[in-house]
Every structure is written in structure tokens, then in C-alpha cells.
Amino acid sequence: SIIKACAKLVKPGGQVFFSTINRNPKSYLFAIVGAEYILKLLPQGTHDWDKFIQPAEMDEWARHSNLSLKGMIGMTYNPFTKVYKLEDDVSVNYLCHYSN
């Protein structure tokens, strides 16, 4: 997996960051239906919902690669104001910070 490959490349005490999309009905609605089909922010077919990763899955794979979670935060995008915002809600886009 990409997580294992990154874990092998990072030096002891190093930091690894991942950004991905959660897999749930809300993320399907926002990332695929909303962004690709309604707002046309991205080409149709950009996202593959089956490849979205739930936070618990990400954390399990990271722990199996000897990475420890330092932080996780959600990110939202407002297409009307064109502003990104970090927040506690990880139900759609989220970022993870790990160290080894």
C-alpha cells in the first residue's frame, strides 16, 4: 500500500501527511454528485467511491506500518465563496498527520 511505502521512506522521527476522502453517503453526495455532476468543478469520473478511505481504515493501515497518529482534521470547500476551511468534521475530506 502507499501508506506502507511512505512509512518505509520516512526517517526515524519523521512526519507523514495524507489527504483523502472518507467513504460514506455524505462523501458520495458531496465529492461525486456535487463536485462532478452538479457543480462541474471536476471532470465526471474523477473520483472512485470504492477507493475512498474511512478514517478508521487509514489509521489501521498506518498502525500496521508503524506510524502513530498525531492529528486528523477535516477540510471543507465552499464553491460559492471558493474558500477552503479546516474543521473537526472528517465526514468528507480529511487530512492525517502521522509520525514513526
N, C-alpha and C. Protein backbone atom coordinates (compact mmCIF):
# COMPACT_ATOMS: atom_id res chain seq x y z
N SER A 1 0.83 -1.19 0.00
CA SER A 1 0.00 0.00 0.00
C SER A 1 0.87 1.25 0.00
N ILE A 2 0.29 2.34 -0.39
CA ILE A 2 1.01 3.62 -0.41
C ILE A 2 1.41 4.03 1.00
N ILE A 3 0.61 3.69 1.99
CA ILE A 3 0.94 4.04 3.37
C ILE A 3 2.19 3.31 3.81
N LYS A 4 2.27 2.03 3.52
CA LYS A 4 3.45 1.24 3.88
C LYS A 4 4.68 1.76 3.16
N ALA A 5 4.54 2.11 1.89
CA ALA A 5 5.67 2.64 1.11
C ALA A 5 6.17 3.95 1.70
N CYS A 6 5.25 4.83 2.08
CA CYS A 6 5.65 6.10 2.69
C CYS A 6 6.32 5.88 4.04
N ALA A 7 5.79 4.94 4.81
CA ALA A 7 6.37 4.65 6.12
C ALA A 7 7.81 4.15 5.99
N LYS A 8 8.09 3.39 4.95
CA LYS A 8 9.46 2.89 4.74
C LYS A 8 10.41 4.00 4.34
N LEU A 9 9.90 5.02 3.69
CA LEU A 9 10.75 6.10 3.20
C LEU A 9 11.05 7.18 4.24
N VAL A 10 10.19 7.32 5.23
CA VAL A 10 10.37 8.39 6.21
C VAL A 10 11.45 8.01 7.23
N LYS A 11 12.28 8.97 7.59
CA LYS A 11 13.35 8.73 8.56
C LYS A 11 12.76 8.58 9.96
N PRO A 12 13.49 7.95 10.87
CA PRO A 12 13.01 7.83 12.25
C PRO A 12 12.67 9.21 12.82
N GLY A 13 11.51 9.30 13.42
CA GLY A 13 11.04 10.58 13.96
C GLY A 13 10.43 11.47 12.90
N GLY A 14 10.35 10.96 11.67
CA GLY A 14 9.83 11.76 10.56
C GLY A 14 8.31 11.87 10.59
N GLN A 15 7.81 12.74 9.76
CA GLN A 15 6.38 13.04 9.69
C GLN A 15 5.83 12.64 8.32
N VAL A 16 4.62 12.12 8.31
CA VAL A 16 3.94 11.75 7.07
C VAL A 16 2.53 12.35 7.11
N PHE A 17 2.11 12.91 5.99
CA PHE A 17 0.78 13.51 5.89
C PHE A 17 0.02 12.87 4.73
N PHE A 18 -1.25 12.59 4.97
CA PHE A 18 -2.12 12.04 3.94
C PHE A 18 -3.38 12.89 3.86
N SER A 19 -3.87 13.07 2.66
CA SER A 19 -5.13 13.77 2.43
C SER A 19 -5.99 12.86 1.56
N THR A 20 -7.22 12.62 1.99
CA THR A 20 -8.09 11.72 1.24
C THR A 20 -9.55 12.06 1.49
N ILE A 21 -10.42 11.20 1.01
CA ILE A 21 -11.86 11.40 1.14
C ILE A 21 -12.46 10.21 1.87
N ASN A 22 -13.30 10.50 2.84
CA ASN A 22 -13.99 9.47 3.61
C ASN A 22 -14.97 8.73 2.70
N ARG A 23 -15.31 7.50 3.06
CA ARG A 23 -16.25 6.70 2.28
C ARG A 23 -17.55 6.54 3.07
N ASN A 24 -18.54 7.32 2.71
CA ASN A 24 -19.86 7.27 3.33
C ASN A 24 -20.85 7.96 2.39
N PRO A 25 -22.14 7.88 2.67
CA PRO A 25 -23.12 8.51 1.76
C PRO A 25 -22.90 10.02 1.58
N LYS A 26 -22.53 10.73 2.64
CA LYS A 26 -22.32 12.17 2.53
C LYS A 26 -21.16 12.49 1.57
N SER A 27 -20.07 11.73 1.68
CA SER A 27 -18.93 11.99 0.80
C SER A 27 -19.27 11.67 -0.66
N TYR A 28 -20.09 10.66 -0.88
CA TYR A 28 -20.54 10.35 -2.24
C TYR A 28 -21.34 11.53 -2.80
N LEU A 29 -22.25 12.03 -1.98
CA LEU A 29 -23.09 13.14 -2.41
C LEU A 29 -22.27 14.40 -2.69
N PHE A 30 -21.33 14.74 -1.81
CA PHE A 30 -20.55 15.97 -1.96
C PHE A 30 -19.45 15.83 -3.02
N ALA A 31 -18.64 14.78 -2.93
CA ALA A 31 -17.45 14.68 -3.78
C ALA A 31 -17.76 14.21 -5.20
N ILE A 32 -18.75 13.36 -5.34
CA ILE A 32 -19.06 12.84 -6.68
C ILE A 32 -20.26 13.56 -7.29
N VAL A 33 -21.40 13.45 -6.66
CA VAL A 33 -22.61 14.06 -7.23
C VAL A 33 -22.46 15.58 -7.29
N GLY A 34 -22.09 16.18 -6.16
CA GLY A 34 -21.98 17.64 -6.11
C GLY A 34 -20.86 18.21 -6.94
N ALA A 35 -19.63 17.75 -6.69
CA ALA A 35 -18.45 18.34 -7.35
C ALA A 35 -18.34 17.97 -8.82
N GLU A 36 -18.71 16.74 -9.17
CA GLU A 36 -18.53 16.29 -10.56
C GLU A 36 -19.75 16.54 -11.45
N TYR A 37 -20.95 16.28 -10.94
CA TYR A 37 -22.13 16.31 -11.79
C TYR A 37 -22.96 17.60 -11.68
N ILE A 38 -23.11 18.12 -10.47
CA ILE A 38 -23.94 19.32 -10.31
C ILE A 38 -23.13 20.60 -10.54
N LEU A 39 -22.04 20.77 -9.78
CA LEU A 39 -21.25 22.00 -9.88
C LEU A 39 -20.20 21.94 -10.99
N LYS A 40 -19.91 20.73 -11.45
CA LYS A 40 -18.93 20.52 -12.53
C LYS A 40 -17.56 21.15 -12.22
N LEU A 41 -17.15 21.02 -10.94
CA LEU A 41 -15.84 21.51 -10.52
C LEU A 41 -14.73 20.58 -11.01
N LEU A 42 -15.09 19.32 -11.24
CA LEU A 42 -14.13 18.29 -11.67
C LEU A 42 -14.76 17.49 -12.80
N PRO A 43 -13.94 16.89 -13.65
CA PRO A 43 -14.50 16.04 -14.70
C PRO A 43 -15.25 14.84 -14.10
N GLN A 44 -16.33 14.45 -14.75
CA GLN A 44 -17.06 13.27 -14.31
C GLN A 44 -16.14 12.06 -14.35
N GLY A 45 -16.18 11.25 -13.29
CA GLY A 45 -15.33 10.07 -13.20
C GLY A 45 -14.02 10.31 -12.49
N THR A 46 -13.79 11.54 -12.02
CA THR A 46 -12.55 11.85 -11.29
C THR A 46 -12.41 10.97 -10.06
N HIS A 47 -13.50 10.82 -9.31
CA HIS A 47 -13.46 10.05 -8.06
C HIS A 47 -14.02 8.65 -8.25
N ASP A 48 -13.45 7.71 -7.53
CA ASP A 48 -13.95 6.33 -7.47
C ASP A 48 -14.33 6.07 -6.02
N TRP A 49 -15.62 6.06 -5.73
CA TRP A 49 -16.10 5.95 -4.36
C TRP A 49 -15.55 4.71 -3.65
N ASP A 50 -15.33 3.64 -4.38
CA ASP A 50 -14.79 2.42 -3.78
C ASP A 50 -13.37 2.62 -3.26
N LYS A 51 -12.68 3.63 -3.74
CA LYS A 51 -11.30 3.90 -3.30
C LYS A 51 -11.23 4.94 -2.19
N PHE A 52 -12.37 5.51 -1.80
CA PHE A 52 -12.38 6.43 -0.67
C PHE A 52 -12.02 5.63 0.58
N ILE A 53 -11.43 6.28 1.56
CA ILE A 53 -10.90 5.59 2.74
C ILE A 53 -11.52 6.15 4.02
N GLN A 54 -12.11 5.29 4.80
CA GLN A 54 -12.65 5.72 6.09
C GLN A 54 -11.49 5.98 7.05
N PRO A 55 -11.64 6.96 7.96
CA PRO A 55 -10.56 7.28 8.89
C PRO A 55 -10.07 6.07 9.70
N ALA A 56 -10.96 5.20 10.11
CA ALA A 56 -10.55 4.02 10.88
C ALA A 56 -9.68 3.09 10.04
N GLU A 57 -9.98 2.97 8.75
CA GLU A 57 -9.16 2.16 7.86
C GLU A 57 -7.77 2.77 7.70
N MET A 58 -7.74 4.08 7.48
CA MET A 58 -6.47 4.78 7.34
C MET A 58 -5.60 4.57 8.58
N ASP A 59 -6.22 4.73 9.74
CA ASP A 59 -5.46 4.59 10.98
C ASP A 59 -4.98 3.16 11.19
N GLU A 60 -5.79 2.18 10.84
CA GLU A 60 -5.38 0.78 10.98
C GLU A 60 -4.18 0.47 10.07
N TRP A 61 -4.25 0.90 8.81
CA TRP A 61 -3.15 0.66 7.88
C TRP A 61 -1.88 1.38 8.35
N ALA A 62 -2.04 2.58 8.87
CA ALA A 62 -0.88 3.33 9.36
C ALA A 62 -0.25 2.63 10.56
N ARG A 63 -1.08 2.18 11.49
CA ARG A 63 -0.54 1.48 12.67
C ARG A 63 0.19 0.21 12.26
N HIS A 64 -0.33 -0.51 11.27
CA HIS A 64 0.34 -1.72 10.78
C HIS A 64 1.67 -1.39 10.09
N SER A 65 1.84 -0.14 9.73
CA SER A 65 3.09 0.32 9.11
C SER A 65 3.96 1.07 10.11
N ASN A 66 3.66 0.88 11.40
CA ASN A 66 4.42 1.51 12.49
C ASN A 66 4.38 3.03 12.47
N LEU A 67 3.26 3.57 12.08
CA LEU A 67 3.05 5.02 12.15
C LEU A 67 2.03 5.30 13.24
N SER A 68 2.24 6.39 13.97
CA SER A 68 1.28 6.75 15.02
C SER A 68 0.60 8.07 14.66
N LEU A 69 -0.69 8.10 14.89
CA LEU A 69 -1.50 9.26 14.55
C LEU A 69 -1.18 10.43 15.48
N LYS A 70 -0.89 11.56 14.90
CA LYS A 70 -0.62 12.79 15.66
C LYS A 70 -1.79 13.75 15.56
N GLY A 71 -2.53 13.66 14.46
CA GLY A 71 -3.68 14.54 14.30
C GLY A 71 -4.48 14.20 13.06
N MET A 72 -5.76 14.53 13.12
CA MET A 72 -6.65 14.33 11.98
C MET A 72 -7.61 15.51 11.96
N ILE A 73 -7.81 16.09 10.79
CA ILE A 73 -8.69 17.24 10.69
C ILE A 73 -9.45 17.18 9.37
N GLY A 74 -10.66 17.68 9.39
CA GLY A 74 -11.47 17.72 8.19
C GLY A 74 -11.22 18.99 7.40
N MET A 75 -11.60 18.94 6.13
CA MET A 75 -11.46 20.11 5.27
C MET A 75 -12.72 20.24 4.42
N THR A 76 -13.25 21.45 4.36
CA THR A 76 -14.42 21.70 3.53
C THR A 76 -14.09 22.75 2.48
N TYR A 77 -14.88 22.75 1.43
CA TYR A 77 -14.73 23.74 0.36
C TYR A 77 -16.09 24.33 0.08
N ASN A 78 -16.16 25.65 0.07
CA ASN A 78 -17.40 26.34 -0.27
C ASN A 78 -17.28 26.79 -1.73
N PRO A 79 -18.01 26.16 -2.64
CA PRO A 79 -17.87 26.50 -4.06
C PRO A 79 -18.38 27.90 -4.41
N PHE A 80 -19.18 28.49 -3.55
CA PHE A 80 -19.72 29.82 -3.82
C PHE A 80 -18.74 30.93 -3.43
N THR A 81 -18.04 30.72 -2.30
CA THR A 81 -17.03 31.71 -1.88
C THR A 81 -15.63 31.30 -2.32
N LYS A 82 -15.50 30.05 -2.80
CA LYS A 82 -14.21 29.48 -3.22
C LYS A 82 -13.19 29.50 -2.08
N VAL A 83 -13.66 29.15 -0.89
CA VAL A 83 -12.82 29.16 0.30
C VAL A 83 -12.76 27.75 0.89
N TYR A 84 -11.54 27.30 1.18
CA TYR A 84 -11.32 26.05 1.91
C TYR A 84 -11.25 26.37 3.39
N LYS A 85 -11.68 25.42 4.22
CA LYS A 85 -11.67 25.65 5.67
C LYS A 85 -11.35 24.34 6.38
N LEU A 86 -10.47 24.41 7.37
CA LEU A 86 -10.18 23.24 8.21
C LEU A 86 -11.17 23.22 9.35
N GLU A 87 -11.66 22.02 9.69
CA GLU A 87 -12.62 21.89 10.77
C GLU A 87 -12.58 20.47 11.34
N ASP A 88 -13.32 20.24 12.41
CA ASP A 88 -13.33 18.94 13.07
C ASP A 88 -14.07 17.86 12.28
N ASP A 89 -14.95 18.23 11.39
CA ASP A 89 -15.78 17.28 10.65
C ASP A 89 -14.95 16.56 9.58
N VAL A 90 -14.73 15.26 9.75
CA VAL A 90 -13.95 14.46 8.80
C VAL A 90 -14.85 13.60 7.91
N SER A 91 -16.11 13.98 7.80
CA SER A 91 -17.07 13.13 7.07
C SER A 91 -16.89 13.15 5.55
N VAL A 92 -16.18 14.14 5.00
CA VAL A 92 -15.93 14.15 3.56
C VAL A 92 -14.42 14.17 3.34
N ASN A 93 -13.81 15.32 3.23
CA ASN A 93 -12.35 15.42 3.04
C ASN A 93 -11.67 15.48 4.40
N TYR A 94 -10.52 14.81 4.52
CA TYR A 94 -9.78 14.91 5.77
C TYR A 94 -8.29 14.72 5.52
N LEU A 95 -7.51 15.23 6.46
CA LEU A 95 -6.05 15.14 6.42
C LEU A 95 -5.58 14.45 7.69
N CYS A 96 -4.55 13.61 7.56
CA CYS A 96 -3.98 12.89 8.70
C CYS A 96 -2.50 13.21 8.82
N HIS A 97 -2.05 13.32 10.04
CA HIS A 97 -0.64 13.56 10.35
C HIS A 97 -0.14 12.38 11.18
N TYR A 98 0.90 11.71 10.69
CA TYR A 98 1.48 10.56 11.38
C TYR A 98 2.97 10.77 11.57
N SER A 99 3.51 10.08 12.55
CA SER A 99 4.96 10.03 12.72
C SER A 99 5.35 8.59 13.01
N ASN A 100 6.65 8.32 12.86
CA ASN A 100 7.10 6.95 13.15
C ASN A 100 7.97 6.93 14.37
